[in-house]
Amino acid sequence: MKRLVRDRTTIKYFAVLILAFSSTAFADAYVDASKPFIEIKDVNQQAEAWAVCAAAYDIMATIQKAEAPARAKQLDDLGNGAQLAVGMTLVIDDLEPDISLERFTALWENSQAAMNERPQAQLAAIIADAAKLGSEREAEFGRKINATVVACINNLAAQRMYIDSWQELVKSGLLQLPQVE
């Protein structure tokens, strides 16, 4: 898994920068921005919201890569955190104090699959929408993807909570970090 964002000052600076350039309404976003993601009761819907964020950050990182590589790296890191939030949303919902190692292993494997598959599905859907809009409506796509990133940035506190929960699972020994070769 890619490195996660740890520098909160950088995140706040980036959030202000995106908000400063954003004149879009959240209604244009690819994700429901009417309430915090953490308040979405259905864990599958919440995981989908995080998957949209992972995809949107990926798209914005790609757009920014040539002009602003440092900003693209920040977006990539935010996308990694959103991808982790997809899985942790599902894990925390089923995590019990007396969970067996076998049950936890199965739960984690399912959430890992979701962390990979759901953002890819959302990325494909957003790219399909961009293709449907066509080059003559490129600005509309730009507004939609920007509004989505702003909505995701507004949910960074919850994303951070999921990252912290993942780190606690690693510290507890339930999860093992992959070996770097």
N, C-alpha and C. Protein backbone atom coordinates (compact mmCIF):
# COMPACT_ATOMS: atom_id res chain seq x y z
N MET A 1 0.84 -1.17 0.00
CA MET A 1 0.00 0.00 0.00
C MET A 1 0.90 1.24 0.00
N LYS A 2 0.48 2.25 -0.69
CA LYS A 2 1.26 3.47 -0.78
C LYS A 2 1.26 4.19 0.56
N ARG A 3 2.24 5.07 0.76
CA ARG A 3 2.37 5.84 1.98
C ARG A 3 1.16 6.74 2.15
N LEU A 4 0.71 6.88 3.41
CA LEU A 4 -0.45 7.71 3.71
C LEU A 4 -0.01 9.11 4.14
N VAL A 5 -0.88 10.08 3.95
CA VAL A 5 -0.59 11.45 4.31
C VAL A 5 -0.52 11.59 5.81
N ARG A 6 0.53 12.23 6.30
CA ARG A 6 0.67 12.44 7.74
C ARG A 6 0.81 13.92 8.10
N ASP A 7 1.10 14.76 7.14
CA ASP A 7 1.35 16.17 7.40
C ASP A 7 0.04 16.95 7.32
N ARG A 8 -0.56 17.23 8.48
CA ARG A 8 -1.87 17.89 8.52
C ARG A 8 -1.79 19.33 8.03
N THR A 9 -0.68 20.00 8.24
CA THR A 9 -0.53 21.37 7.76
C THR A 9 -0.59 21.40 6.24
N THR A 10 0.07 20.46 5.61
CA THR A 10 0.06 20.38 4.15
C THR A 10 -1.35 20.12 3.65
N ILE A 11 -2.06 19.23 4.33
CA ILE A 11 -3.44 18.92 3.93
C ILE A 11 -4.32 20.15 4.06
N LYS A 12 -4.19 20.86 5.17
CA LYS A 12 -5.01 22.06 5.37
C LYS A 12 -4.69 23.11 4.31
N TYR A 13 -3.41 23.29 4.00
CA TYR A 13 -3.01 24.25 2.98
C TYR A 13 -3.63 23.86 1.63
N PHE A 14 -3.53 22.58 1.31
CA PHE A 14 -4.08 22.11 0.04
C PHE A 14 -5.59 22.30 0.01
N ALA A 15 -6.27 22.02 1.13
CA ALA A 15 -7.73 22.18 1.19
C ALA A 15 -8.11 23.63 0.94
N VAL A 16 -7.39 24.55 1.54
CA VAL A 16 -7.67 25.97 1.33
C VAL A 16 -7.44 26.35 -0.12
N LEU A 17 -6.37 25.82 -0.71
CA LEU A 17 -6.07 26.10 -2.10
C LEU A 17 -7.19 25.61 -3.02
N ILE A 18 -7.64 24.39 -2.81
CA ILE A 18 -8.73 23.85 -3.64
C ILE A 18 -9.99 24.67 -3.43
N LEU A 19 -10.32 24.99 -2.19
CA LEU A 19 -11.52 25.77 -1.92
C LEU A 19 -11.45 27.16 -2.54
N ALA A 20 -10.25 27.74 -2.56
CA ALA A 20 -10.09 29.06 -3.15
C ALA A 20 -10.38 29.07 -4.64
N PHE A 21 -10.03 27.97 -5.31
CA PHE A 21 -10.25 27.90 -6.74
C PHE A 21 -11.59 27.28 -7.09
N SER A 22 -12.35 26.92 -6.09
CA SER A 22 -13.62 26.24 -6.35
C SER A 22 -14.77 27.22 -6.31
N SER A 23 -15.48 27.30 -7.40
CA SER A 23 -16.70 28.10 -7.42
C SER A 23 -17.88 27.21 -7.74
N THR A 24 -17.67 25.90 -7.57
CA THR A 24 -18.70 24.95 -7.94
C THR A 24 -19.60 24.64 -6.77
N ALA A 25 -20.79 24.22 -7.09
CA ALA A 25 -21.73 23.77 -6.07
C ALA A 25 -21.51 22.30 -5.83
N PHE A 26 -21.73 21.87 -4.59
CA PHE A 26 -21.56 20.46 -4.27
C PHE A 26 -22.55 19.60 -5.03
N ALA A 27 -23.62 20.19 -5.52
CA ALA A 27 -24.59 19.41 -6.30
C ALA A 27 -23.95 18.83 -7.55
N ASP A 28 -22.85 19.43 -8.00
CA ASP A 28 -22.15 18.94 -9.18
C ASP A 28 -21.23 17.76 -8.88
N ALA A 29 -21.02 17.45 -7.61
CA ALA A 29 -20.05 16.42 -7.22
C ALA A 29 -20.53 15.03 -7.59
N TYR A 30 -19.57 14.14 -7.75
CA TYR A 30 -19.87 12.73 -8.02
C TYR A 30 -20.26 11.99 -6.74
N VAL A 31 -20.21 12.68 -5.63
CA VAL A 31 -20.52 12.09 -4.33
C VAL A 31 -21.49 13.02 -3.59
N ASP A 32 -22.34 12.45 -2.76
CA ASP A 32 -23.29 13.24 -1.99
C ASP A 32 -22.54 14.02 -0.92
N ALA A 33 -22.51 15.32 -1.05
CA ALA A 33 -21.79 16.17 -0.12
C ALA A 33 -22.72 16.83 0.89
N SER A 34 -23.97 16.38 0.94
CA SER A 34 -24.95 17.03 1.81
C SER A 34 -24.73 16.72 3.29
N LYS A 35 -23.99 15.64 3.59
CA LYS A 35 -23.69 15.32 4.99
C LYS A 35 -22.35 14.63 5.04
N PRO A 36 -21.72 14.66 6.21
CA PRO A 36 -20.42 13.98 6.34
C PRO A 36 -20.55 12.48 6.03
N PHE A 37 -19.54 11.94 5.39
CA PHE A 37 -19.56 10.52 5.02
C PHE A 37 -19.76 9.63 6.24
N ILE A 38 -19.17 10.01 7.35
CA ILE A 38 -19.23 9.20 8.56
C ILE A 38 -20.67 9.04 9.06
N GLU A 39 -21.55 9.93 8.63
CA GLU A 39 -22.95 9.86 9.02
C GLU A 39 -23.78 8.95 8.10
N ILE A 40 -23.17 8.44 7.05
CA ILE A 40 -23.88 7.51 6.17
C ILE A 40 -23.97 6.17 6.91
N LYS A 41 -25.17 5.77 7.24
CA LYS A 41 -25.38 4.58 8.07
C LYS A 41 -25.05 3.28 7.35
N ASP A 42 -25.42 3.18 6.09
CA ASP A 42 -25.14 1.96 5.32
C ASP A 42 -23.65 1.93 4.99
N VAL A 43 -22.94 0.93 5.54
CA VAL A 43 -21.48 0.90 5.37
C VAL A 43 -21.08 0.72 3.91
N ASN A 44 -21.89 0.04 3.12
CA ASN A 44 -21.56 -0.12 1.70
C ASN A 44 -21.67 1.21 0.97
N GLN A 45 -22.68 2.02 1.32
CA GLN A 45 -22.80 3.34 0.70
C GLN A 45 -21.66 4.24 1.15
N GLN A 46 -21.29 4.14 2.43
CA GLN A 46 -20.18 4.94 2.92
C GLN A 46 -18.88 4.52 2.21
N ALA A 47 -18.68 3.22 2.07
CA ALA A 47 -17.48 2.73 1.37
C ALA A 47 -17.45 3.23 -0.07
N GLU A 48 -18.62 3.29 -0.70
CA GLU A 48 -18.69 3.81 -2.08
C GLU A 48 -18.31 5.29 -2.13
N ALA A 49 -18.72 6.06 -1.11
CA ALA A 49 -18.35 7.48 -1.07
C ALA A 49 -16.82 7.62 -1.00
N TRP A 50 -16.19 6.80 -0.15
CA TRP A 50 -14.72 6.84 -0.06
C TRP A 50 -14.09 6.38 -1.37
N ALA A 51 -14.70 5.43 -2.04
CA ALA A 51 -14.19 4.95 -3.32
C ALA A 51 -14.24 6.06 -4.37
N VAL A 52 -15.31 6.84 -4.36
CA VAL A 52 -15.41 7.99 -5.27
C VAL A 52 -14.27 8.97 -4.98
N CYS A 53 -13.99 9.19 -3.70
CA CYS A 53 -12.90 10.10 -3.34
C CYS A 53 -11.56 9.58 -3.85
N ALA A 54 -11.31 8.29 -3.65
CA ALA A 54 -10.05 7.71 -4.12
C ALA A 54 -9.92 7.92 -5.63
N ALA A 55 -11.00 7.70 -6.36
CA ALA A 55 -10.97 7.87 -7.82
C ALA A 55 -10.78 9.35 -8.19
N ALA A 56 -11.48 10.23 -7.51
CA ALA A 56 -11.39 11.66 -7.82
C ALA A 56 -9.99 12.20 -7.53
N TYR A 57 -9.41 11.78 -6.41
CA TYR A 57 -8.03 12.20 -6.10
C TYR A 57 -7.07 11.69 -7.17
N ASP A 58 -7.29 10.46 -7.64
CA ASP A 58 -6.44 9.89 -8.68
C ASP A 58 -6.52 10.72 -9.96
N ILE A 59 -7.72 11.09 -10.34
CA ILE A 59 -7.91 11.90 -11.55
C ILE A 59 -7.24 13.26 -11.39
N MET A 60 -7.47 13.90 -10.25
CA MET A 60 -6.86 15.22 -10.02
C MET A 60 -5.34 15.13 -9.95
N ALA A 61 -4.81 14.06 -9.37
CA ALA A 61 -3.36 13.89 -9.32
C ALA A 61 -2.79 13.76 -10.72
N THR A 62 -3.48 13.04 -11.57
CA THR A 62 -3.05 12.88 -12.95
C THR A 62 -3.07 14.22 -13.68
N ILE A 63 -4.12 15.00 -13.46
CA ILE A 63 -4.24 16.31 -14.09
C ILE A 63 -3.11 17.24 -13.63
N GLN A 64 -2.78 17.19 -12.35
CA GLN A 64 -1.80 18.10 -11.76
C GLN A 64 -0.34 17.66 -11.95
N LYS A 65 -0.13 16.42 -12.34
CA LYS A 65 1.22 15.84 -12.34
C LYS A 65 2.24 16.67 -13.12
N ALA A 66 1.91 17.12 -14.31
CA ALA A 66 2.87 17.85 -15.14
C ALA A 66 3.15 19.26 -14.60
N GLU A 67 2.10 19.96 -14.20
CA GLU A 67 2.25 21.35 -13.76
C GLU A 67 2.69 21.49 -12.31
N ALA A 68 2.20 20.61 -11.45
CA ALA A 68 2.45 20.74 -10.01
C ALA A 68 2.69 19.35 -9.41
N PRO A 69 3.88 18.81 -9.60
CA PRO A 69 4.15 17.45 -9.12
C PRO A 69 3.98 17.29 -7.60
N ALA A 70 4.32 18.31 -6.83
CA ALA A 70 4.16 18.21 -5.38
C ALA A 70 2.69 18.12 -5.01
N ARG A 71 1.86 18.92 -5.65
CA ARG A 71 0.43 18.87 -5.41
C ARG A 71 -0.15 17.53 -5.86
N ALA A 72 0.35 17.02 -6.98
CA ALA A 72 -0.09 15.71 -7.46
C ALA A 72 0.25 14.63 -6.45
N LYS A 73 1.41 14.72 -5.83
CA LYS A 73 1.81 13.76 -4.80
C LYS A 73 0.87 13.84 -3.59
N GLN A 74 0.50 15.05 -3.19
CA GLN A 74 -0.45 15.22 -2.08
C GLN A 74 -1.79 14.57 -2.42
N LEU A 75 -2.25 14.80 -3.63
CA LEU A 75 -3.51 14.21 -4.06
C LEU A 75 -3.41 12.68 -4.10
N ASP A 76 -2.29 12.18 -4.55
CA ASP A 76 -2.07 10.74 -4.57
C ASP A 76 -2.12 10.18 -3.14
N ASP A 77 -1.48 10.86 -2.20
CA ASP A 77 -1.51 10.44 -0.80
C ASP A 77 -2.93 10.48 -0.23
N LEU A 78 -3.68 11.53 -0.56
CA LEU A 78 -5.07 11.61 -0.11
C LEU A 78 -5.89 10.46 -0.69
N GLY A 79 -5.61 10.12 -1.94
CA GLY A 79 -6.29 8.99 -2.57
C GLY A 79 -5.98 7.68 -1.86
N ASN A 80 -4.73 7.51 -1.43
CA ASN A 80 -4.37 6.31 -0.68
C ASN A 80 -5.16 6.24 0.63
N GLY A 81 -5.30 7.38 1.28
CA GLY A 81 -6.07 7.41 2.52
C GLY A 81 -7.54 7.12 2.29
N ALA A 82 -8.10 7.64 1.20
CA ALA A 82 -9.50 7.36 0.88
C ALA A 82 -9.68 5.89 0.54
N GLN A 83 -8.71 5.32 -0.15
CA GLN A 83 -8.77 3.89 -0.48
C GLN A 83 -8.75 3.06 0.81
N LEU A 84 -7.91 3.44 1.75
CA LEU A 84 -7.87 2.74 3.04
C LEU A 84 -9.19 2.91 3.78
N ALA A 85 -9.80 4.09 3.68
CA ALA A 85 -11.09 4.34 4.34
C ALA A 85 -12.18 3.42 3.79
N VAL A 86 -12.10 3.07 2.50
CA VAL A 86 -13.06 2.11 1.93
C VAL A 86 -13.03 0.83 2.75
N GLY A 87 -11.85 0.27 2.92
CA GLY A 87 -11.71 -0.99 3.64
C GLY A 87 -12.01 -0.88 5.12
N MET A 88 -11.53 0.19 5.73
CA MET A 88 -11.74 0.33 7.18
C MET A 88 -13.20 0.57 7.51
N THR A 89 -13.95 1.20 6.63
CA THR A 89 -15.39 1.36 6.84
C THR A 89 -16.03 -0.01 7.01
N LEU A 90 -15.63 -0.95 6.17
CA LEU A 90 -16.19 -2.30 6.21
C LEU A 90 -15.67 -3.10 7.40
N VAL A 91 -14.41 -2.92 7.74
CA VAL A 91 -13.82 -3.66 8.87
C VAL A 91 -14.44 -3.22 10.19
N ILE A 92 -14.48 -1.92 10.41
CA ILE A 92 -14.97 -1.41 11.70
C ILE A 92 -16.42 -1.82 11.93
N ASP A 93 -17.20 -1.89 10.87
CA ASP A 93 -18.61 -2.29 11.02
C ASP A 93 -18.75 -3.70 11.59
N ASP A 94 -17.85 -4.60 11.22
CA ASP A 94 -17.94 -6.00 11.66
C ASP A 94 -16.94 -6.36 12.76
N LEU A 95 -16.15 -5.42 13.21
CA LEU A 95 -15.13 -5.70 14.21
C LEU A 95 -15.78 -5.83 15.59
N GLU A 96 -15.51 -6.95 16.24
CA GLU A 96 -16.04 -7.20 17.58
C GLU A 96 -14.86 -7.46 18.52
N PRO A 97 -15.01 -7.14 19.81
CA PRO A 97 -13.90 -7.34 20.75
C PRO A 97 -13.39 -8.79 20.81
N ASP A 98 -14.28 -9.75 20.65
CA ASP A 98 -13.88 -11.16 20.76
C ASP A 98 -13.80 -11.85 19.40
N ILE A 99 -13.49 -11.10 18.35
CA ILE A 99 -13.44 -11.67 17.00
C ILE A 99 -12.29 -12.68 16.91
N SER A 100 -12.57 -13.80 16.28
CA SER A 100 -11.52 -14.81 16.12
C SER A 100 -10.54 -14.36 15.05
N LEU A 101 -9.34 -14.90 15.11
CA LEU A 101 -8.32 -14.55 14.13
C LEU A 101 -8.77 -14.95 12.73
N GLU A 102 -9.42 -16.10 12.62
CA GLU A 102 -9.90 -16.57 11.32
C GLU A 102 -10.96 -15.62 10.75
N ARG A 103 -11.89 -15.21 11.60
CA ARG A 103 -12.95 -14.28 11.17
C ARG A 103 -12.34 -12.94 10.78
N PHE A 104 -11.39 -12.44 11.57
CA PHE A 104 -10.75 -11.17 11.25
C PHE A 104 -9.99 -11.27 9.94
N THR A 105 -9.28 -12.37 9.74
CA THR A 105 -8.52 -12.55 8.50
C THR A 105 -9.45 -12.51 7.29
N ALA A 106 -10.58 -13.20 7.39
CA ALA A 106 -11.56 -13.18 6.29
C ALA A 106 -12.12 -11.78 6.09
N LEU A 107 -12.43 -11.10 7.18
CA LEU A 107 -12.95 -9.74 7.11
C LEU A 107 -11.93 -8.82 6.44
N TRP A 108 -10.68 -8.92 6.83
CA TRP A 108 -9.65 -8.07 6.25
C TRP A 108 -9.44 -8.37 4.77
N GLU A 109 -9.45 -9.65 4.40
CA GLU A 109 -9.28 -10.01 2.99
C GLU A 109 -10.41 -9.45 2.14
N ASN A 110 -11.63 -9.50 2.64
CA ASN A 110 -12.76 -8.93 1.90
C ASN A 110 -12.64 -7.41 1.79
N SER A 111 -12.19 -6.78 2.86
CA SER A 111 -12.06 -5.32 2.80
C SER A 111 -10.91 -4.91 1.88
N GLN A 112 -9.85 -5.71 1.83
CA GLN A 112 -8.75 -5.42 0.90
C GLN A 112 -9.23 -5.50 -0.55
N ALA A 113 -10.05 -6.50 -0.83
CA ALA A 113 -10.61 -6.61 -2.18
C ALA A 113 -11.45 -5.37 -2.49
N ALA A 114 -12.25 -4.93 -1.53
CA ALA A 114 -13.08 -3.73 -1.73
C ALA A 114 -12.20 -2.49 -1.93
N MET A 115 -11.09 -2.40 -1.21
CA MET A 115 -10.20 -1.24 -1.34
C MET A 115 -9.61 -1.15 -2.74
N ASN A 116 -9.44 -2.27 -3.39
CA ASN A 116 -8.89 -2.27 -4.74
C ASN A 116 -9.98 -2.14 -5.80
N GLU A 117 -11.06 -2.88 -5.63
CA GLU A 117 -12.09 -2.96 -6.67
C GLU A 117 -13.02 -1.74 -6.71
N ARG A 118 -13.47 -1.27 -5.58
CA ARG A 118 -14.45 -0.18 -5.57
C ARG A 118 -13.89 1.13 -6.14
N PRO A 119 -12.68 1.55 -5.74
CA PRO A 119 -12.16 2.78 -6.37
C PRO A 119 -11.96 2.62 -7.88
N GLN A 120 -11.55 1.44 -8.32
CA GLN A 120 -11.37 1.22 -9.76
C GLN A 120 -12.71 1.30 -10.49
N ALA A 121 -13.76 0.76 -9.89
CA ALA A 121 -15.09 0.84 -10.51
C ALA A 121 -15.57 2.28 -10.58
N GLN A 122 -15.33 3.04 -9.52
CA GLN A 122 -15.73 4.45 -9.51
C GLN A 122 -14.91 5.26 -10.52
N LEU A 123 -13.63 4.94 -10.63
CA LEU A 123 -12.78 5.61 -11.61
C LEU A 123 -13.31 5.36 -13.02
N ALA A 124 -13.67 4.13 -13.30
CA ALA A 124 -14.22 3.79 -14.62
C ALA A 124 -15.52 4.54 -14.87
N ALA A 125 -16.36 4.66 -13.86
CA ALA A 125 -17.63 5.37 -14.02
C ALA A 125 -17.41 6.87 -14.27
N ILE A 126 -16.47 7.46 -13.54
CA ILE A 126 -16.20 8.89 -13.72
C ILE A 126 -15.58 9.15 -15.10
N ILE A 127 -14.68 8.29 -15.51
CA ILE A 127 -14.07 8.44 -16.84
C ILE A 127 -15.12 8.26 -17.93
N ALA A 128 -16.04 7.33 -17.73
CA ALA A 128 -17.12 7.14 -18.70
C ALA A 128 -17.99 8.39 -18.77
N ASP A 129 -18.25 9.02 -17.63
CA ASP A 129 -19.03 10.25 -17.63
C ASP A 129 -18.28 11.36 -18.38
N ALA A 130 -16.97 11.43 -18.16
CA ALA A 130 -16.17 12.44 -18.88
C ALA A 130 -16.24 12.21 -20.38
N ALA A 131 -16.17 10.96 -20.79
CA ALA A 131 -16.25 10.65 -22.22
C ALA A 131 -17.62 11.00 -22.77
N LYS A 132 -18.65 10.74 -21.98
CA LYS A 132 -20.03 11.05 -22.40
C LYS A 132 -20.20 12.57 -22.56
N LEU A 133 -19.60 13.33 -21.65
CA LEU A 133 -19.70 14.78 -21.73
C LEU A 133 -18.97 15.31 -22.97
N GLY A 134 -17.86 14.68 -23.31
CA GLY A 134 -17.11 15.08 -24.50
C GLY A 134 -16.28 16.32 -24.27
N SER A 135 -15.44 16.62 -25.24
CA SER A 135 -14.52 17.75 -25.11
C SER A 135 -15.22 19.10 -25.10
N GLU A 136 -16.38 19.20 -25.72
CA GLU A 136 -17.08 20.49 -25.73
C GLU A 136 -17.65 20.83 -24.36
N ARG A 137 -17.76 19.83 -23.48
CA ARG A 137 -18.27 20.09 -22.12
C ARG A 137 -17.21 19.76 -21.08
N GLU A 138 -15.96 19.97 -21.46
CA GLU A 138 -14.82 19.69 -20.58
C GLU A 138 -14.90 20.51 -19.29
N ALA A 139 -15.35 21.74 -19.37
CA ALA A 139 -15.46 22.59 -18.18
C ALA A 139 -16.46 22.01 -17.18
N GLU A 140 -17.53 21.41 -17.69
CA GLU A 140 -18.51 20.79 -16.81
C GLU A 140 -17.88 19.63 -16.04
N PHE A 141 -17.11 18.81 -16.73
CA PHE A 141 -16.41 17.73 -16.05
C PHE A 141 -15.45 18.28 -15.01
N GLY A 142 -14.72 19.33 -15.35
CA GLY A 142 -13.80 19.97 -14.41
C GLY A 142 -14.51 20.44 -13.15
N ARG A 143 -15.68 21.04 -13.32
CA ARG A 143 -16.46 21.48 -12.14
C ARG A 143 -16.88 20.29 -11.29
N LYS A 144 -17.31 19.23 -11.95
CA LYS A 144 -17.77 18.05 -11.22
C LYS A 144 -16.64 17.38 -10.45
N ILE A 145 -15.49 17.23 -11.07
CA ILE A 145 -14.39 16.55 -10.40
C ILE A 145 -13.83 17.45 -9.29
N ASN A 146 -13.80 18.75 -9.52
CA ASN A 146 -13.33 19.69 -8.49
C ASN A 146 -14.29 19.69 -7.30
N ALA A 147 -15.59 19.72 -7.55
CA ALA A 147 -16.57 19.69 -6.47
C ALA A 147 -16.45 18.39 -5.67
N THR A 148 -16.14 17.31 -6.35
CA THR A 148 -15.97 16.03 -5.68
C THR A 148 -14.75 16.06 -4.76
N VAL A 149 -13.64 16.58 -5.25
CA VAL A 149 -12.43 16.67 -4.43
C VAL A 149 -12.67 17.57 -3.22
N VAL A 150 -13.37 18.67 -3.41
CA VAL A 150 -13.67 19.55 -2.28
C VAL A 150 -14.54 18.82 -1.26
N ALA A 151 -15.53 18.08 -1.72
CA ALA A 151 -16.38 17.30 -0.81
C ALA A 151 -15.53 16.28 -0.04
N CYS A 152 -14.61 15.66 -0.71
CA CYS A 152 -13.73 14.68 -0.06
C CYS A 152 -12.81 15.35 0.96
N ILE A 153 -12.28 16.50 0.61
CA ILE A 153 -11.43 17.24 1.54
C ILE A 153 -12.23 17.63 2.79
N ASN A 154 -13.49 17.94 2.61
CA ASN A 154 -14.34 18.28 3.76
C ASN A 154 -14.55 17.08 4.69
N ASN A 155 -14.19 15.90 4.25
CA ASN A 155 -14.33 14.68 5.05
C ASN A 155 -12.99 14.13 5.53
N LEU A 156 -11.95 14.94 5.49
CA LEU A 156 -10.62 14.47 5.87
C LEU A 156 -10.53 14.03 7.33
N ALA A 157 -11.30 14.63 8.23
CA ALA A 157 -11.24 14.24 9.64
C ALA A 157 -11.68 12.78 9.79
N ALA A 158 -12.73 12.39 9.10
CA ALA A 158 -13.19 11.00 9.16
C ALA A 158 -12.18 10.08 8.49
N GLN A 159 -11.61 10.53 7.38
CA GLN A 159 -10.60 9.73 6.71
C GLN A 159 -9.42 9.51 7.66
N ARG A 160 -9.02 10.54 8.37
CA ARG A 160 -7.92 10.44 9.33
C ARG A 160 -8.26 9.44 10.43
N MET A 161 -9.53 9.43 10.88
CA MET A 161 -9.96 8.49 11.91
C MET A 161 -9.79 7.06 11.41
N TYR A 162 -10.13 6.80 10.15
CA TYR A 162 -9.98 5.45 9.59
C TYR A 162 -8.50 5.08 9.46
N ILE A 163 -7.67 6.01 9.07
CA ILE A 163 -6.23 5.75 8.98
C ILE A 163 -5.68 5.43 10.36
N ASP A 164 -6.08 6.21 11.37
CA ASP A 164 -5.63 5.96 12.74
C ASP A 164 -6.10 4.59 13.22
N SER A 165 -7.32 4.20 12.88
CA SER A 165 -7.83 2.88 13.26
C SER A 165 -7.01 1.78 12.62
N TRP A 166 -6.66 1.97 11.36
CA TRP A 166 -5.81 1.00 10.66
C TRP A 166 -4.46 0.89 11.35
N GLN A 167 -3.89 2.03 11.72
CA GLN A 167 -2.59 2.02 12.39
C GLN A 167 -2.68 1.29 13.73
N GLU A 168 -3.79 1.42 14.44
CA GLU A 168 -3.98 0.71 15.70
C GLU A 168 -4.06 -0.80 15.47
N LEU A 169 -4.71 -1.21 14.39
CA LEU A 169 -4.77 -2.63 14.07
C LEU A 169 -3.38 -3.18 13.75
N VAL A 170 -2.57 -2.37 13.09
CA VAL A 170 -1.20 -2.78 12.79
C VAL A 170 -0.42 -2.91 14.10
N LYS A 171 -0.55 -1.90 14.98
CA LYS A 171 0.16 -1.94 16.27
C LYS A 171 -0.27 -3.12 17.12
N SER A 172 -1.54 -3.50 17.03
CA SER A 172 -2.06 -4.61 17.83
C SER A 172 -1.53 -5.95 17.35
N GLY A 173 -1.01 -5.99 16.13
CA GLY A 173 -0.52 -7.24 15.58
C GLY A 173 -1.54 -7.99 14.74
N LEU A 174 -2.79 -7.51 14.70
CA LEU A 174 -3.80 -8.17 13.88
C LEU A 174 -3.48 -8.05 12.40
N LEU A 175 -2.88 -6.93 12.02
CA LEU A 175 -2.49 -6.72 10.61
C LEU A 175 -0.98 -6.67 10.51
N GLN A 176 -0.46 -7.22 9.46
CA GLN A 176 0.96 -7.17 9.18
C GLN A 176 1.18 -6.27 7.97
N LEU A 177 2.14 -5.38 8.08
CA LEU A 177 2.50 -4.56 6.93
C LEU A 177 3.20 -5.41 5.90
N PRO A 178 2.95 -5.15 4.62
CA PRO A 178 3.66 -5.92 3.58
C PRO A 178 5.16 -5.63 3.65
N GLN A 179 5.93 -6.65 3.36
CA GLN A 179 7.39 -6.50 3.36
C GLN A 179 7.83 -5.75 2.11
N VAL A 180 8.66 -4.75 2.30
CA VAL A 180 9.19 -3.97 1.18
C VAL A 180 10.49 -4.63 0.73
N GLU A 181 10.56 -4.89 -0.55
CA GLU A 181 11.76 -5.57 -1.09
C GLU A 181 12.75 -4.59 -1.62
